[in-house]
Protein backbone atom coordinates (compact mmCIF):
# COMPACT_ATOMS: atom_id res chain seq x y z
CA MET A 1 16.64 -18.02 -12.15
CA ALA A 2 17.76 -15.78 -15.04
CA TYR A 3 17.47 -12.01 -14.72
CA ILE A 4 14.84 -11.96 -17.46
CA GLY A 5 12.67 -14.13 -15.23
CA TYR A 6 12.83 -11.64 -12.38
CA ILE A 7 12.05 -8.81 -14.78
CA ALA A 8 9.01 -10.78 -15.99
CA ILE A 9 7.85 -11.25 -12.37
CA PHE A 10 8.12 -7.53 -11.70
CA ILE A 11 6.23 -6.61 -14.87
CA LEU A 12 3.48 -9.13 -14.13
CA ALA A 13 3.18 -7.91 -10.53
CA TYR A 14 3.13 -4.30 -11.69
CA SER A 15 0.27 -5.13 -14.06
CA ILE A 16 -1.66 -6.78 -11.24
CA GLY A 17 -1.04 -3.80 -8.97
CA SER A 18 -2.24 -1.44 -11.69
CA ILE A 19 -5.74 -2.84 -11.27
CA ASN A 20 -6.62 -0.15 -8.72
CA SER A 21 -9.68 -1.35 -6.84
CA SER A 22 -11.02 2.01 -5.75
CA ILE A 23 -10.82 3.47 -9.24
CA ALA A 24 -12.29 0.39 -10.91
CA ILE A 25 -15.10 -0.08 -8.38
CA GLY A 26 -15.93 3.62 -8.40
CA LYS A 27 -16.30 3.65 -12.16
CA LEU A 28 -18.21 0.36 -12.32
CA TRP A 29 -20.43 0.84 -9.26
CA LYS A 30 -20.94 4.60 -9.01
CA LYS A 31 -19.91 5.69 -12.52
CA GLU A 32 -17.51 8.17 -10.94
CA ASP A 33 -13.74 8.57 -10.67
CA ILE A 34 -12.74 8.47 -7.00
CA ARG A 35 -9.72 10.66 -7.87
CA LYS A 36 -12.10 13.54 -8.58
CA LEU A 37 -13.89 13.27 -5.23
CA GLY A 38 -12.96 14.10 -1.64
CA SER A 39 -9.22 14.13 -1.09
CA GLY A 40 -8.62 12.84 -4.61
CA ASN A 41 -6.78 9.77 -3.34
CA ALA A 42 -7.57 6.39 -4.88
CA GLY A 43 -7.74 4.58 -1.56
CA ALA A 44 -10.05 2.91 0.91
CA THR A 45 -10.68 5.90 3.20
CA ASN A 46 -11.69 8.20 0.36
CA THR A 47 -13.86 5.42 -1.03
CA LEU A 48 -15.63 5.03 2.32
CA ARG A 49 -16.30 8.73 2.59
CA ASN A 50 -17.70 9.06 -0.91
CA PHE A 51 -19.19 5.66 -1.80
CA GLY A 52 -20.04 3.99 1.51
CA ILE A 53 -19.25 0.70 3.20
CA GLY A 54 -20.15 -1.74 0.41
CA PRO A 55 -17.69 -0.46 -2.21
CA THR A 56 -15.08 0.10 0.49
CA VAL A 57 -15.15 -3.56 1.56
CA LEU A 58 -14.53 -4.55 -2.05
CA VAL A 59 -11.66 -2.06 -2.28
CA VAL A 60 -10.02 -3.41 0.87
CA VAL A 61 -10.33 -7.01 -0.29
CA GLY A 62 -9.18 -6.19 -3.81
CA ASP A 63 -6.14 -4.14 -2.81
CA ALA A 64 -5.07 -6.75 -0.27
CA LEU A 65 -5.60 -9.76 -2.52
CA LYS A 66 -3.59 -8.35 -5.41
CA GLY A 67 -0.58 -7.97 -3.12
CA VAL A 68 -0.94 -11.52 -1.85
CA ALA A 69 -1.43 -12.88 -5.37
CA ALA A 70 1.65 -11.10 -6.74
CA ILE A 71 3.81 -12.51 -3.96
CA PHE A 72 2.65 -16.08 -4.50
CA ILE A 73 3.15 -15.73 -8.25
CA GLY A 74 6.65 -14.37 -7.74
CA ARG A 75 7.50 -17.09 -5.24
CA MET A 76 6.11 -19.81 -7.50
CA LEU A 77 7.90 -18.62 -10.64
CA ALA A 78 11.26 -17.84 -9.01
CA GLY A 79 11.18 -20.50 -6.32
CA ASN A 80 12.65 -18.11 -3.76
CA GLU A 81 11.93 -15.06 -1.61
CA VAL A 82 13.60 -12.68 -4.07
CA GLY A 83 10.80 -13.45 -6.50
CA ALA A 84 8.25 -12.97 -3.73
CA MET A 85 9.66 -9.56 -2.76
CA LEU A 86 9.86 -8.46 -6.39
CA GLY A 87 6.23 -9.46 -6.76
CA GLY A 88 5.29 -7.46 -3.68
CA LEU A 89 7.27 -4.42 -4.75
CA GLY A 90 5.87 -4.54 -8.28
CA THR A 91 2.27 -4.63 -7.13
CA VAL A 92 2.74 -1.65 -4.77
CA ILE A 93 4.36 0.40 -7.53
CA GLY A 94 1.55 -0.62 -9.85
CA HIS A 95 -1.02 0.49 -7.27
CA ASN A 96 0.67 3.86 -6.86
CA TRP A 97 1.29 4.48 -10.56
CA PRO A 98 -1.20 2.26 -12.46
CA ILE A 99 -0.59 1.94 -16.18
CA PHE A 100 -4.33 1.37 -16.72
CA PHE A 101 -5.31 4.67 -15.05
CA GLN A 102 -2.89 7.29 -16.41
CA PHE A 103 -0.32 6.44 -13.70
CA LYS A 104 -2.46 8.19 -11.07
CA GLY A 105 -3.20 5.75 -8.26
CA GLY A 106 -3.26 5.53 -4.49
CA LYS A 107 -0.65 5.63 -1.76
CA GLY A 108 -0.12 1.89 -1.48
CA ILE A 109 -0.47 1.47 2.28
CA LEU A 110 -3.18 -1.19 2.29
CA THR A 111 -1.44 -3.18 -0.44
CA SER A 112 1.90 -2.74 1.33
CA ALA A 113 0.42 -4.05 4.58
CA ALA A 114 -0.89 -7.14 2.78
CA VAL A 115 2.51 -7.64 1.15
CA ILE A 116 4.40 -7.36 4.45
CA LEU A 117 1.99 -9.69 6.25
CA THR A 118 2.31 -12.27 3.47
CA ILE A 119 6.11 -12.22 3.26
CA ARG A 120 6.74 -12.02 7.02
CA PRO A 121 3.57 -12.44 9.11
CA ASP A 122 5.46 -11.94 12.38
CA ILE A 123 7.06 -8.64 11.37
CA GLY A 124 3.95 -7.56 9.50
CA ALA A 125 1.74 -8.08 12.54
CA ILE A 126 3.96 -5.82 14.65
CA VAL A 127 4.02 -3.10 11.99
CA VAL A 128 0.25 -3.21 11.51
CA ILE A 129 -0.49 -3.18 15.26
CA ILE A 130 1.78 -0.18 15.81
CA SER A 131 0.17 1.66 12.90
CA ILE A 132 -3.33 0.98 14.22
CA ILE A 133 -2.37 2.18 17.70
CA ILE A 134 -1.05 5.45 16.26
CA ILE A 135 -4.22 5.91 14.21
CA VAL A 136 -6.50 5.21 17.19
CA ILE A 137 -4.58 7.58 19.47
CA THR A 138 -4.12 10.47 17.02
CA ARG A 139 -6.98 9.84 14.55
CA TYR A 140 -4.50 10.56 11.76
CA VAL A 141 -4.56 7.76 9.18
CA SER A 142 -1.58 9.32 7.42
CA LEU A 143 0.52 9.44 10.59
CA GLY A 144 -0.19 5.80 11.39
CA SER A 145 0.69 4.86 7.82
CA LEU A 146 3.94 6.83 7.94
CA VAL A 147 5.00 5.43 11.31
CA GLY A 148 4.36 1.90 10.10
CA SER A 149 6.34 2.52 6.92
CA VAL A 150 9.31 3.98 8.77
CA ILE A 151 9.32 1.38 11.53
CA PHE A 152 9.19 -1.57 9.10
CA PRO A 153 12.98 -1.53 8.39
CA VAL A 154 13.67 -1.03 12.09
CA ILE A 155 11.66 -4.13 13.01
CA VAL A 156 13.47 -6.08 10.27
CA VAL A 157 16.85 -5.10 11.77
CA ILE A 158 15.71 -6.12 15.26
CA MET A 159 14.13 -9.44 14.28
CA ASP A 160 16.16 -10.57 11.25
CA PHE A 161 19.25 -8.37 10.93
CA GLU A 162 21.12 -10.88 8.74
CA ASN A 163 18.43 -10.81 6.05
CA ILE A 164 19.88 -8.11 3.80
CA GLY A 165 17.37 -8.75 1.03
CA LEU A 166 14.43 -8.20 3.36
CA LEU A 167 16.06 -5.08 4.80
CA VAL A 168 16.56 -3.55 1.34
CA PHE A 169 12.97 -4.46 0.47
CA SER A 170 11.65 -2.84 3.66
CA ILE A 171 13.62 0.36 3.03
CA ILE A 172 12.34 0.66 -0.55
CA LEU A 173 8.75 0.01 0.54
CA GLY A 174 9.11 2.57 3.33
CA LEU A 175 10.57 5.21 1.02
CA LEU A 176 7.73 4.69 -1.47
CA ALA A 177 5.18 5.27 1.28
CA VAL A 178 6.93 8.38 2.59
CA TYR A 179 7.17 9.81 -0.93
CA ARG A 180 3.48 9.22 -1.60
CA HIS A 181 2.62 10.91 1.71
CA ARG A 182 4.77 14.01 1.18
CA GLY A 183 1.64 16.19 1.02
CA ASN A 184 0.37 14.66 4.26
CA ILE A 185 3.73 15.30 5.93
CA LYS A 186 3.49 18.97 4.99
CA ARG A 187 -0.04 19.22 6.39
CA LEU A 188 0.94 17.39 9.58
CA ARG A 189 3.78 19.85 10.14
CA GLU A 190 1.43 22.78 9.52
CA GLY A 191 -1.32 21.32 11.71
CA THR A 192 -3.82 21.27 8.84
CA GLU A 193 -4.04 17.50 8.30
CA SER A 194 -7.57 16.19 8.75
CA LYS A 195 -8.47 13.47 11.21
CA ILE A 196 -10.76 10.46 11.00
CA GLY A 197 -14.33 11.65 11.35
CA SER A 198 -13.72 15.04 9.81
CA LYS A 199 -15.33 16.00 6.52
CA LYS A 200 -12.01 15.87 4.71
CA CYS A 201 -9.13 13.52 5.32
CA GLY A 202 -5.88 13.47 3.38
CA GLY A 203 -4.33 10.30 4.79
CA GLU A 204 -5.92 7.46 2.90
CA PRO A 205 -4.10 4.17 2.32
């Protein structure tokens, strides 16, 4: 496939990712911008805290489906896993910096999880399980998200060390997550990060 084709896949996936579910549903359902409420993050946890379970379910489904859709589109157009990974990467970047919402989006964890599970269900399942365990034990959503993001490349090396493309993809996805959580990292180090169940939580996916 020509380079222009891969560029087209990335742009299309980025556009799909830019349809941020929490922002769109907040404005359509509640007539409010989720980025101006709670922690200010355009993610599922902040949506749950401010809008309730109904909108949150739609956010979870929407953010997950756009990652899956972008991967299948990339795989179909390119006919290979490079196209699939470009699709996944594009949709996460679009979620984080959506062109339709002044480039102010979420942290991409939920979409990233859907992307990883779609590309490599075996590796994705391990990453998600570890993340959930960390969240349950510590009650820090941000910590679970960060651990999952960092451990993703490690699991790739252990389970498929010859797949350089997947390794590069996992590192980029992990770095994106760490960058988006830099504020959470600071609060975790200072001991001021909020936990699940508290009035304010900064670690939304």
